[in-house]
Amino acid sequence: MSRAYVFLWSGIVIGVGGQLMLKAGAGAPDFLSQVLSPATLVGLLLYVGATLAYLIAIREIPIAVAFPSIAVSYVVILALGVIVFGESLTVGKVIGTVLILGGVWTLNR
């Protein structure tokens, strides 16, 4: 795997962490508390890190491959939303997840 793909997949993982932290911060009682909560601030910082990793990745990976690859994060977030936050898993979400994974796999071949 090339260095660029390491940055792409690292950025995806970091972005997932950021999304989880933003969701954790959403438990605050009001919007201002949510924005200022440590979880939200860490989530935003992780998104900055994910963006920097992505910027490095797209120097070598075609954008038509790199950007759709980020869709893998949707699959991971779906699973973690169910496991960590008790969100629902429907047949439609499973079908969509399979389609996303198939598309990302096809693009990266």
PDB file of N, CA and C in Angstrom:
ATOM      1  N   MET A   1       0.852  -1.176   0.000  1.00  0.00           N
ATOM      2  CA  MET A   1       0.000   0.000   0.000  1.00  0.00           C
ATOM      3  C   MET A   1       0.897   1.238   0.000  1.00  0.00           C
ATOM      4  N   SER A   2       0.568   2.179  -0.851  1.00  0.00           N
ATOM      5  CA  SER A   2       1.383   3.385  -0.938  1.00  0.00           C
ATOM      6  C   SER A   2       1.132   4.302   0.262  1.00  0.00           C
ATOM      7  N   ARG A   3       2.082   5.188   0.449  1.00  0.00           N
ATOM      8  CA  ARG A   3       2.005   6.173   1.540  1.00  0.00           C
ATOM      9  C   ARG A   3       0.710   6.983   1.460  1.00  0.00           C
ATOM     10  N   ALA A   4       0.294   7.331   0.250  1.00  0.00           N
ATOM     11  CA  ALA A   4      -0.919   8.129   0.079  1.00  0.00           C
ATOM     12  C   ALA A   4      -2.144   7.391   0.603  1.00  0.00           C
ATOM     13  N   TYR A   5      -2.210   6.088   0.368  1.00  0.00           N
ATOM     14  CA  TYR A   5      -3.352   5.312   0.861  1.00  0.00           C
ATOM     15  C   TYR A   5      -3.325   5.175   2.381  1.00  0.00           C
ATOM     16  N   VAL A   6      -2.138   5.144   2.958  1.00  0.00           N
ATOM     17  CA  VAL A   6      -2.042   5.127   4.419  1.00  0.00           C
ATOM     18  C   VAL A   6      -2.651   6.417   4.977  1.00  0.00           C
ATOM     19  N   PHE A   7      -2.357   7.540   4.343  1.00  0.00           N
ATOM     20  CA  PHE A   7      -2.935   8.808   4.790  1.00  0.00           C
ATOM     21  C   PHE A   7      -4.439   8.844   4.552  1.00  0.00           C
ATOM     22  N   LEU A   8      -4.895   8.309   3.421  1.00  0.00           N
ATOM     23  CA  LEU A   8      -6.328   8.290   3.144  1.00  0.00           C
ATOM     24  C   LEU A   8      -7.075   7.492   4.203  1.00  0.00           C
ATOM     25  N   TRP A   9      -6.634   6.264   4.459  1.00  0.00           N
ATOM     26  CA  TRP A   9      -7.334   5.416   5.429  1.00  0.00           C
ATOM     27  C   TRP A   9      -7.160   5.935   6.856  1.00  0.00           C
ATOM     28  N   SER A  10      -6.014   6.548   7.155  1.00  0.00           N
ATOM     29  CA  SER A  10      -5.834   7.167   8.477  1.00  0.00           C
ATOM     30  C   SER A  10      -6.812   8.322   8.655  1.00  0.00           C
ATOM     31  N   GLY A  11      -6.955   9.114   7.618  1.00  0.00           N
ATOM     32  CA  GLY A  11      -7.900  10.229   7.669  1.00  0.00           C
ATOM     33  C   GLY A  11      -9.327   9.759   7.882  1.00  0.00           C
ATOM     34  N   ILE A  12      -9.676   8.636   7.253  1.00  0.00           N
ATOM     35  CA  ILE A  12     -11.017   8.088   7.430  1.00  0.00           C
ATOM     36  C   ILE A  12     -11.229   7.659   8.885  1.00  0.00           C
ATOM     37  N   VAL A  13     -10.255   6.973   9.449  1.00  0.00           N
ATOM     38  CA  VAL A  13     -10.364   6.518  10.840  1.00  0.00           C
ATOM     39  C   VAL A  13     -10.428   7.711  11.795  1.00  0.00           C
ATOM     40  N   ILE A  14      -9.593   8.705  11.561  1.00  0.00           N
ATOM     41  CA  ILE A  14      -9.598   9.899  12.407  1.00  0.00           C
ATOM     42  C   ILE A  14     -10.942  10.621  12.292  1.00  0.00           C
ATOM     43  N   GLY A  15     -11.482  10.699  11.072  1.00  0.00           N
ATOM     44  CA  GLY A  15     -12.781  11.328  10.859  1.00  0.00           C
ATOM     45  C   GLY A  15     -13.906  10.608  11.592  1.00  0.00           C
ATOM     46  N   VAL A  16     -13.850   9.284  11.609  1.00  0.00           N
ATOM     47  CA  VAL A  16     -14.837   8.499  12.363  1.00  0.00           C
ATOM     48  C   VAL A  16     -14.742   8.853  13.846  1.00  0.00           C
ATOM     49  N   GLY A  17     -13.537   8.943  14.356  1.00  0.00           N
ATOM     50  CA  GLY A  17     -13.356   9.340  15.755  1.00  0.00           C
ATOM     51  C   GLY A  17     -13.947  10.720  16.011  1.00  0.00           C
ATOM     52  N   GLY A  18     -13.737  11.624  15.075  1.00  0.00           N
ATOM     53  CA  GLY A  18     -14.301  12.971  15.208  1.00  0.00           C
ATOM     54  C   GLY A  18     -15.818  12.956  15.243  1.00  0.00           C
ATOM     55  N   GLN A  19     -16.420  12.145  14.379  1.00  0.00           N
ATOM     56  CA  GLN A  19     -17.875  12.049  14.343  1.00  0.00           C
ATOM     57  C   GLN A  19     -18.437  11.486  15.649  1.00  0.00           C
ATOM     58  N   LEU A  20     -17.755  10.475  16.184  1.00  0.00           N
ATOM     59  CA  LEU A  20     -18.193   9.902  17.467  1.00  0.00           C
ATOM     60  C   LEU A  20     -18.107  10.936  18.592  1.00  0.00           C
ATOM     61  N   MET A  21     -17.051  11.726  18.576  1.00  0.00           N
ATOM     62  CA  MET A  21     -16.912  12.749  19.617  1.00  0.00           C
ATOM     63  C   MET A  21     -17.972  13.844  19.469  1.00  0.00           C
ATOM     64  N   LEU A  22     -18.294  14.217  18.225  1.00  0.00           N
ATOM     65  CA  LEU A  22     -19.355  15.206  18.027  1.00  0.00           C
ATOM     66  C   LEU A  22     -20.691  14.673  18.531  1.00  0.00           C
ATOM     67  N   LYS A  23     -20.952  13.401  18.274  1.00  0.00           N
ATOM     68  CA  LYS A  23     -22.195  12.788  18.776  1.00  0.00           C
ATOM     69  C   LYS A  23     -22.193  12.764  20.308  1.00  0.00           C
ATOM     70  N   ALA A  24     -21.054  12.442  20.906  1.00  0.00           N
ATOM     71  CA  ALA A  24     -20.958  12.440  22.368  1.00  0.00           C
ATOM     72  C   ALA A  24     -21.220  13.838  22.920  1.00  0.00           C
ATOM     73  N   GLY A  25     -20.734  14.849  22.238  1.00  0.00           N
ATOM     74  CA  GLY A  25     -20.961  16.227  22.675  1.00  0.00           C
ATOM     75  C   GLY A  25     -22.397  16.673  22.502  1.00  0.00           C
ATOM     76  N   ALA A  26     -23.153  15.967  21.663  1.00  0.00           N
ATOM     77  CA  ALA A  26     -24.549  16.345  21.407  1.00  0.00           C
ATOM     78  C   ALA A  26     -25.453  16.074  22.596  1.00  0.00           C
ATOM     79  N   GLY A  27     -24.934  15.412  23.606  1.00  0.00           N
ATOM     80  CA  GLY A  27     -25.728  15.145  24.804  1.00  0.00           C
ATOM     81  C   GLY A  27     -25.822  16.343  25.737  1.00  0.00           C
ATOM     82  N   ALA A  28     -25.213  17.450  25.374  1.00  0.00           N
ATOM     83  CA  ALA A  28     -25.240  18.649  26.219  1.00  0.00           C
ATOM     84  C   ALA A  28     -26.656  19.219  26.276  1.00  0.00           C
ATOM     85  N   PRO A  29     -26.971  19.947  27.342  1.00  0.00           N
ATOM     86  CA  PRO A  29     -28.344  20.439  27.516  1.00  0.00           C
ATOM     87  C   PRO A  29     -28.774  21.535  26.531  1.00  0.00           C
ATOM     88  N   ASP A  30     -27.841  22.302  26.011  1.00  0.00           N
ATOM     89  CA  ASP A  30     -28.196  23.346  25.042  1.00  0.00           C
ATOM     90  C   ASP A  30     -27.070  23.481  24.023  1.00  0.00           C
ATOM     91  N   PHE A  31     -27.342  24.247  22.975  1.00  0.00           N
ATOM     92  CA  PHE A  31     -26.397  24.327  21.858  1.00  0.00           C
ATOM     93  C   PHE A  31     -25.051  24.920  22.269  1.00  0.00           C
ATOM     94  N   LEU A  32     -25.057  25.983  23.052  1.00  0.00           N
ATOM     95  CA  LEU A  32     -23.791  26.599  23.467  1.00  0.00           C
ATOM     96  C   LEU A  32     -22.963  25.618  24.287  1.00  0.00           C
ATOM     97  N   SER A  33     -23.617  24.904  25.192  1.00  0.00           N
ATOM     98  CA  SER A  33     -22.899  23.887  25.975  1.00  0.00           C
ATOM     99  C   SER A  33     -22.346  22.794  25.065  1.00  0.00           C
ATOM    100  N   GLN A  34     -23.114  22.448  24.053  1.00  0.00           N
ATOM    101  CA  GLN A  34     -22.658  21.430  23.103  1.00  0.00           C
ATOM    102  C   GLN A  34     -21.412  21.900  22.358  1.00  0.00           C
ATOM    103  N   VAL A  35     -21.433  23.119  21.869  1.00  0.00           N
ATOM    104  CA  VAL A  35     -20.293  23.656  21.116  1.00  0.00           C
ATOM    105  C   VAL A  35     -19.048  23.736  21.993  1.00  0.00           C
ATOM    106  N   LEU A  36     -19.234  24.081  23.258  1.00  0.00           N
ATOM    107  CA  LEU A  36     -18.100  24.262  24.161  1.00  0.00           C
ATOM    108  C   LEU A  36     -17.711  22.997  24.931  1.00  0.00           C
ATOM    109  N   SER A  37     -18.443  21.916  24.731  1.00  0.00           N
ATOM    110  CA  SER A  37     -18.124  20.690  25.479  1.00  0.00           C
ATOM    111  C   SER A  37     -16.785  20.123  25.007  1.00  0.00           C
ATOM    112  N   PRO A  38     -16.038  19.530  25.919  1.00  0.00           N
ATOM    113  CA  PRO A  38     -14.751  18.935  25.545  1.00  0.00           C
ATOM    114  C   PRO A  38     -14.889  17.896  24.428  1.00  0.00           C
ATOM    115  N   ALA A  39     -15.965  17.121  24.442  1.00  0.00           N
ATOM    116  CA  ALA A  39     -16.150  16.108  23.399  1.00  0.00           C
ATOM    117  C   ALA A  39     -16.284  16.756  22.024  1.00  0.00           C
ATOM    118  N   THR A  40     -17.066  17.830  21.939  1.00  0.00           N
ATOM    119  CA  THR A  40     -17.236  18.533  20.661  1.00  0.00           C
ATOM    120  C   THR A  40     -15.920  19.136  20.197  1.00  0.00           C
ATOM    121  N   LEU A  41     -15.196  19.759  21.103  1.00  0.00           N
ATOM    122  CA  LEU A  41     -13.917  20.378  20.735  1.00  0.00           C
ATOM    123  C   LEU A  41     -12.914  19.337  20.260  1.00  0.00           C
ATOM    124  N   VAL A  42     -12.869  18.184  20.907  1.00  0.00           N
ATOM    125  CA  VAL A  42     -11.988  17.099  20.458  1.00  0.00           C
ATOM    126  C   VAL A  42     -12.445  16.603  19.091  1.00  0.00           C
ATOM    127  N   GLY A  43     -13.759  16.481  18.910  1.00  0.00           N
ATOM    128  CA  GLY A  43     -14.291  16.052  17.613  1.00  0.00           C
ATOM    129  C   GLY A  43     -13.885  16.988  16.490  1.00  0.00           C
ATOM    130  N   LEU A  44     -13.974  18.277  16.735  1.00  0.00           N
ATOM    131  CA  LEU A  44     -13.565  19.256  15.725  1.00  0.00           C
ATOM    132  C   LEU A  44     -12.068  19.171  15.441  1.00  0.00           C
ATOM    133  N   LEU A  45     -11.286  18.986  16.469  1.00  0.00           N
ATOM    134  CA  LEU A  45      -9.842  18.843  16.299  1.00  0.00           C
ATOM    135  C   LEU A  45      -9.517  17.592  15.479  1.00  0.00           C
ATOM    136  N   LEU A  46     -10.230  16.515  15.755  1.00  0.00           N
ATOM    137  CA  LEU A  46     -10.015  15.292  14.974  1.00  0.00           C
ATOM    138  C   LEU A  46     -10.387  15.510  13.510  1.00  0.00           C
ATOM    139  N   TYR A  47     -11.448  16.265  13.256  1.00  0.00           N
ATOM    140  CA  TYR A  47     -11.810  16.568  11.865  1.00  0.00           C
ATOM    141  C   TYR A  47     -10.707  17.359  11.156  1.00  0.00           C
ATOM    142  N   VAL A  48     -10.065  18.263  11.869  1.00  0.00           N
ATOM    143  CA  VAL A  48      -8.927  18.991  11.280  1.00  0.00           C
ATOM    144  C   VAL A  48      -7.820  18.003  10.919  1.00  0.00           C
ATOM    145  N   GLY A  49      -7.531  17.074  11.830  1.00  0.00           N
ATOM    146  CA  GLY A  49      -6.515  16.061  11.552  1.00  0.00           C
ATOM    147  C   GLY A  49      -6.882  15.198  10.362  1.00  0.00           C
ATOM    148  N   ALA A  50      -8.154  14.820  10.271  1.00  0.00           N
ATOM    149  CA  ALA A  50      -8.615  14.009   9.140  1.00  0.00           C
ATOM    150  C   ALA A  50      -8.473  14.776   7.829  1.00  0.00           C
ATOM    151  N   THR A  51      -8.777  16.054   7.870  1.00  0.00           N
ATOM    152  CA  THR A  51      -8.649  16.887   6.668  1.00  0.00           C
ATOM    153  C   THR A  51      -7.195  16.998   6.227  1.00  0.00           C
ATOM    154  N   LEU A  52      -6.297  17.161   7.176  1.00  0.00           N
ATOM    155  CA  LEU A  52      -4.873  17.249   6.821  1.00  0.00           C
ATOM    156  C   LEU A  52      -4.381  15.936   6.207  1.00  0.00           C
ATOM    157  N   ALA A  53      -4.797  14.816   6.770  1.00  0.00           N
ATOM    158  CA  ALA A  53      -4.406  13.516   6.199  1.00  0.00           C
ATOM    159  C   ALA A  53      -4.969  13.375   4.790  1.00  0.00           C
ATOM    160  N   TYR A  54      -6.200  13.810   4.582  1.00  0.00           N
ATOM    161  CA  TYR A  54      -6.827  13.743   3.269  1.00  0.00           C
ATOM    162  C   TYR A  54      -6.089  14.615   2.252  1.00  0.00           C
ATOM    163  N   LEU A  55      -5.686  15.796   2.688  1.00  0.00           N
ATOM    164  CA  LEU A  55      -4.936  16.686   1.785  1.00  0.00           C
ATOM    165  C   LEU A  55      -3.647  16.025   1.298  1.00  0.00           C
ATOM    166  N   ILE A  56      -2.977  15.323   2.191  1.00  0.00           N
ATOM    167  CA  ILE A  56      -1.753  14.614   1.795  1.00  0.00           C
ATOM    168  C   ILE A  56      -2.098  13.487   0.831  1.00  0.00           C
ATOM    169  N   ALA A  57      -3.172  12.774   1.111  1.00  0.00           N
ATOM    170  CA  ALA A  57      -3.559  11.635   0.276  1.00  0.00           C
ATOM    171  C   ALA A  57      -3.888  12.048  -1.153  1.00  0.00           C
ATOM    172  N   ILE A  58      -4.625  13.150  -1.319  1.00  0.00           N
ATOM    173  CA  ILE A  58      -5.062  13.514  -2.669  1.00  0.00           C
ATOM    174  C   ILE A  58      -3.963  14.124  -3.526  1.00  0.00           C
ATOM    175  N   ARG A  59      -2.797  14.282  -2.957  1.00  0.00           N
ATOM    176  CA  ARG A  59      -1.667  14.698  -3.786  1.00  0.00           C
ATOM    177  C   ARG A  59      -1.297  13.593  -4.770  1.00  0.00           C
ATOM    178  N   GLU A  60      -1.563  12.330  -4.400  1.00  0.00           N
ATOM    179  CA  GLU A  60      -1.196  11.199  -5.250  1.00  0.00           C
ATOM    180  C   GLU A  60      -2.383  10.358  -5.711  1.00  0.00           C
ATOM    181  N   ILE A  61      -3.465  10.359  -4.962  1.00  0.00           N
ATOM    182  CA  ILE A  61      -4.621   9.535  -5.308  1.00  0.00           C
ATOM    183  C   ILE A  61      -5.607  10.379  -6.109  1.00  0.00           C
ATOM    184  N   PRO A  62      -6.100   9.865  -7.229  1.00  0.00           N
ATOM    185  CA  PRO A  62      -7.107  10.632  -7.979  1.00  0.00           C
ATOM    186  C   PRO A  62      -8.313  10.949  -7.097  1.00  0.00           C
ATOM    187  N   ILE A  63      -8.818  12.145  -7.227  1.00  0.00           N
ATOM    188  CA  ILE A  63      -9.945  12.585  -6.413  1.00  0.00           C
ATOM    189  C   ILE A  63     -11.166  11.700  -6.649  1.00  0.00           C
ATOM    190  N   ALA A  64     -11.295  11.168  -7.856  1.00  0.00           N
ATOM    191  CA  ALA A  64     -12.420  10.294  -8.184  1.00  0.00           C
ATOM    192  C   ALA A  64     -12.350   8.966  -7.433  1.00  0.00           C
ATOM    193  N   VAL A  65     -11.206   8.655  -6.882  1.00  0.00           N
ATOM    194  CA  VAL A  65     -11.044   7.451  -6.049  1.00  0.00           C
ATOM    195  C   VAL A  65     -11.047   7.839  -4.575  1.00  0.00           C
ATOM    196  N   ALA A  66     -10.311   8.885  -4.224  1.00  0.00           N
ATOM    197  CA  ALA A  66     -10.148   9.267  -2.814  1.00  0.00           C
ATOM    198  C   ALA A  66     -11.454   9.705  -2.174  1.00  0.00           C
ATOM    199  N   PHE A  67     -12.187  10.587  -2.823  1.00  0.00           N
ATOM    200  CA  PHE A  67     -13.390  11.115  -2.184  1.00  0.00           C
ATOM    201  C   PHE A  67     -14.453  10.046  -1.962  1.00  0.00           C
ATOM    202  N   PRO A  68     -14.775   9.225  -2.956  1.00  0.00           N
ATOM    203  CA  PRO A  68     -15.758   8.166  -2.687  1.00  0.00           C
ATOM    204  C   PRO A  68     -15.289   7.163  -1.630  1.00  0.00           C
ATOM    205  N   SER A  69     -13.977   7.004  -1.467  1.00  0.00           N
ATOM    206  CA  SER A  69     -13.461   6.075  -0.460  1.00  0.00           C
ATOM    207  C   SER A  69     -13.848   6.503   0.950  1.00  0.00           C
ATOM    208  N   ILE A  70     -14.073   7.783   1.126  1.00  0.00           N
ATOM    209  CA  ILE A  70     -14.483   8.291   2.435  1.00  0.00           C
ATOM    210  C   ILE A  70     -15.831   7.691   2.846  1.00  0.00           C
ATOM    211  N   ALA A  71     -16.585   7.191   1.883  1.00  0.00           N
ATOM    212  CA  ALA A  71     -17.881   6.584   2.185  1.00  0.00           C
ATOM    213  C   ALA A  71     -17.753   5.384   3.118  1.00  0.00           C
ATOM    214  N   VAL A  72     -16.569   4.791   3.207  1.00  0.00           N
ATOM    215  CA  VAL A  72     -16.361   3.700   4.157  1.00  0.00           C
ATOM    216  C   VAL A  72     -16.684   4.175   5.570  1.00  0.00           C
ATOM    217  N   SER A  73     -16.437   5.453   5.831  1.00  0.00           N
ATOM    218  CA  SER A  73     -16.730   5.978   7.166  1.00  0.00           C
ATOM    219  C   SER A  73     -18.218   5.868   7.475  1.00  0.00           C
ATOM    220  N   TYR A  74     -19.100   5.967   6.482  1.00  0.00           N
ATOM    221  CA  TYR A  74     -20.533   5.830   6.712  1.00  0.00           C
ATOM    222  C   TYR A  74     -20.859   4.444   7.263  1.00  0.00           C
ATOM    223  N   VAL A  75     -20.173   3.451   6.717  1.00  0.00           N
ATOM    224  CA  VAL A  75     -20.400   2.073   7.147  1.00  0.00           C
ATOM    225  C   VAL A  75     -19.960   1.898   8.602  1.00  0.00           C
ATOM    226  N   VAL A  76     -18.782   2.410   8.909  1.00  0.00           N
ATOM    227  CA  VAL A  76     -18.251   2.289  10.271  1.00  0.00           C
ATOM    228  C   VAL A  76     -19.126   3.059  11.248  1.00  0.00           C
ATOM    229  N   ILE A  77     -19.546   4.250  10.866  1.00  0.00           N
ATOM    230  CA  ILE A  77     -20.400   5.063  11.736  1.00  0.00           C
ATOM    231  C   ILE A  77     -21.747   4.382  11.959  1.00  0.00           C
ATOM    232  N   LEU A  78     -22.296   3.759  10.924  1.00  0.00           N
ATOM    233  CA  LEU A  78     -23.547   3.026  11.097  1.00  0.00           C
ATOM    234  C   LEU A  78     -23.385   1.945  12.163  1.00  0.00           C
ATOM    235  N   ALA A  79     -22.327   1.154  12.035  1.00  0.00           N
ATOM    236  CA  ALA A  79     -22.084   0.068  13.006  1.00  0.00           C
ATOM    237  C   ALA A  79     -21.873   0.622  14.409  1.00  0.00           C
ATOM    238  N   LEU A  80     -21.056   1.653  14.531  1.00  0.00           N
ATOM    239  CA  LEU A  80     -20.781   2.221  15.855  1.00  0.00           C
ATOM    240  C   LEU A  80     -22.005   2.926  16.432  1.00  0.00           C
ATOM    241  N   GLY A  81     -22.823   3.510  15.577  1.00  0.00           N
ATOM    242  CA  GLY A  81     -24.058   4.131  16.054  1.00  0.00           C
ATOM    243  C   GLY A  81     -24.983   3.109  16.690  1.00  0.00           C
ATOM    244  N   VAL A  82     -25.039   1.938  16.075  1.00  0.00           N
ATOM    245  CA  VAL A  82     -25.862   0.855  16.623  1.00  0.00           C
ATOM    246  C   VAL A  82     -25.265   0.332  17.928  1.00  0.00           C
ATOM    247  N   ILE A  83     -23.948   0.087  17.915  1.00  0.00           N
ATOM    248  CA  ILE A  83     -23.282  -0.526  19.072  1.00  0.00           C
ATOM    249  C   ILE A  83     -23.151   0.451  20.246  1.00  0.00           C
ATOM    250  N   VAL A  84     -22.671   1.652  19.972  1.00  0.00           N
ATOM    251  CA  VAL A  84     -22.346   2.596  21.041  1.00  0.00           C
ATOM    252  C   VAL A  84     -23.558   3.422  21.485  1.00  0.00           C
ATOM    253  N   PHE A  85     -24.362   3.868  20.509  1.00  0.00           N
ATOM    254  CA  PHE A  85     -25.449   4.790  20.842  1.00  0.00           C
ATOM    255  C   PHE A  85     -26.828   4.145  20.785  1.00  0.00           C
ATOM    256  N   GLY A  86     -26.895   2.844  20.479  1.00  0.00           N
ATOM    257  CA  GLY A  86     -28.175   2.145  20.463  1.00  0.00           C
ATOM    258  C   GLY A  86     -29.112   2.577  19.348  1.00  0.00           C
ATOM    259  N   GLU A  87     -28.568   3.073  18.244  1.00  0.00           N
ATOM    260  CA  GLU A  87     -29.402   3.497  17.123  1.00  0.00           C
ATOM    261  C   GLU A  87     -29.940   2.281  16.374  1.00  0.00           C
ATOM    262  N   SER A  88     -30.988   2.477  15.605  1.00  0.00           N
ATOM    263  CA  SER A  88     -31.642   1.349  14.933  1.00  0.00           C
ATOM    264  C   SER A  88     -30.877   0.904  13.686  1.00  0.00           C
ATOM    265  N   LEU A  89     -30.987  -0.384  13.397  1.00  0.00           N
ATOM    266  CA  LEU A  89     -30.411  -0.966  12.182  1.00  0.00           C
ATOM    267  C   LEU A  89     -31.562  -1.564  11.388  1.00  0.00           C
ATOM    268  N   THR A  90     -31.788  -1.025  10.199  1.00  0.00           N
ATOM    269  CA  THR A  90     -32.894  -1.489   9.365  1.00  0.00           C
ATOM    270  C   THR A  90     -32.353  -2.229   8.148  1.00  0.00           C
ATOM    271  N   VAL A  91     -33.243  -2.916   7.467  1.00  0.00           N
ATOM    272  CA  VAL A  91     -32.867  -3.616   6.237  1.00  0.00           C
ATOM    273  C   VAL A  91     -32.338  -2.617   5.209  1.00  0.00           C
ATOM    274  N   GLY A  92     -32.989  -1.478   5.104  1.00  0.00           N
ATOM    275  CA  GLY A  92     -32.546  -0.450   4.162  1.00  0.00           C
ATOM    276  C   GLY A  92     -31.127   0.022   4.441  1.00  0.00           C
ATOM    277  N   LYS A  93     -30.791   0.175   5.718  1.00  0.00           N
ATOM    278  CA  LYS A  93     -29.435   0.597   6.086  1.00  0.00           C
ATOM    279  C   LYS A  93     -28.414  -0.484   5.740  1.00  0.00           C
ATOM    280  N   VAL A  94     -28.781  -1.737   5.929  1.00  0.00           N
ATOM    281  CA  VAL A  94     -27.878  -2.839   5.590  1.00  0.00           C
ATOM    282  C   VAL A  94     -27.659  -2.894   4.078  1.00  0.00           C
ATOM    283  N   ILE A  95     -28.721  -2.757   3.307  1.00  0.00           N
ATOM    284  CA  ILE A  95     -28.599  -2.774   1.841  1.00  0.00           C
ATOM    285  C   ILE A  95     -27.738  -1.595   1.376  1.00  0.00           C
ATOM    286  N   GLY A  96     -27.986  -0.428   1.925  1.00  0.00           N
ATOM    287  CA  GLY A  96     -27.187   0.743   1.574  1.00  0.00           C
ATOM    288  C   GLY A  96     -25.720   0.553   1.906  1.00  0.00           C
ATOM    289  N   THR A  97     -25.456  -0.062   3.046  1.00  0.00           N
ATOM    290  CA  THR A  97     -24.082  -0.321   3.471  1.00  0.00           C
ATOM    291  C   THR A  97     -23.382  -1.263   2.503  1.00  0.00           C
ATOM    292  N   VAL A  98     -24.067  -2.308   2.091  1.00  0.00           N
ATOM    293  CA  VAL A  98     -23.492  -3.254   1.125  1.00  0.00           C
ATOM    294  C   VAL A  98     -23.189  -2.536  -0.199  1.00  0.00           C
ATOM    295  N   LEU A  99     -24.094  -1.691  -0.646  1.00  0.00           N
ATOM    296  CA  LEU A  99     -23.863  -0.945  -1.886  1.00  0.00           C
ATOM    297  C   LEU A  99     -22.670   0.001  -1.764  1.00  0.00           C
ATOM    298  N   ILE A 100     -22.558   0.680  -0.632  1.00  0.00           N
ATOM    299  CA  ILE A 100     -21.416   1.579  -0.408  1.00  0.00           C
ATOM    300  C   ILE A 100     -20.107   0.803  -0.457  1.00  0.00           C
ATOM    301  N   LEU A 101     -20.047  -0.306   0.268  1.00  0.00           N
ATOM    302  CA  LEU A 101     -18.819  -1.103   0.294  1.00  0.00           C
ATOM    303  C   LEU A 101     -18.471  -1.627  -1.097  1.00  0.00           C
ATOM    304  N   GLY A 102     -19.465  -2.062  -1.835  1.00  0.00           N
ATOM    305  CA  GLY A 102     -19.221  -2.536  -3.198  1.00  0.00           C
ATOM    306  C   GLY A 102     -18.679  -1.433  -4.094  1.00  0.00           C
ATOM    307  N   GLY A 103     -19.217  -0.251  -3.963  1.00  0.00           N
ATOM    308  CA  GLY A 103     -18.748   0.877  -4.764  1.00  0.00           C
ATOM    309  C   GLY A 103     -17.321   1.282  -4.420  1.00  0.00           C
ATOM    310  N   VAL A 104     -17.016   1.348  -3.146  1.00  0.00           N
ATOM    311  CA  VAL A 104     -15.652   1.700  -2.722  1.00  0.00           C
ATOM    312  C   VAL A 104     -14.670   0.643  -3.179  1.00  0.00           C
ATOM    313  N   TRP A 105     -15.040  -0.619  -3.034  1.00  0.00           N
ATOM    314  CA  TRP A 105     -14.155  -1.716  -3.471  1.00  0.00           C
ATOM    315  C   TRP A 105     -13.898  -1.613  -4.968  1.00  0.00           C
ATOM    316  N   THR A 106     -14.941  -1.366  -5.744  1.00  0.00           N
ATOM    317  CA  THR A 106     -14.806  -1.251  -7.203  1.00  0.00           C
ATOM    318  C   THR A 106     -13.886  -0.097  -7.586  1.00  0.00           C
ATOM    319  N   LEU A 107     -14.054   1.055  -6.949  1.00  0.00           N
ATOM    320  CA  LEU A 107     -13.231   2.226  -7.264  1.00  0.00           C
ATOM    321  C   LEU A 107     -11.758   2.023  -6.923  1.00  0.00           C
ATOM    322  N   ASN A 108     -11.502   1.260  -5.883  1.00  0.00           N
ATOM    323  CA  ASN A 108     -10.110   1.093  -5.434  1.00  0.00           C
ATOM    324  C   ASN A 108      -9.390  -0.060  -6.110  1.00  0.00           C
ATOM    325  N   ARG A 109     -10.025  -0.718  -7.037  1.00  0.00           N
ATOM    326  CA  ARG A 109      -9.378  -1.841  -7.762  1.00  0.00           C
ATOM    327  C   ARG A 109      -8.487  -1.339  -8.848  1.00  0.00           C
TER     328      ARG A 109
END
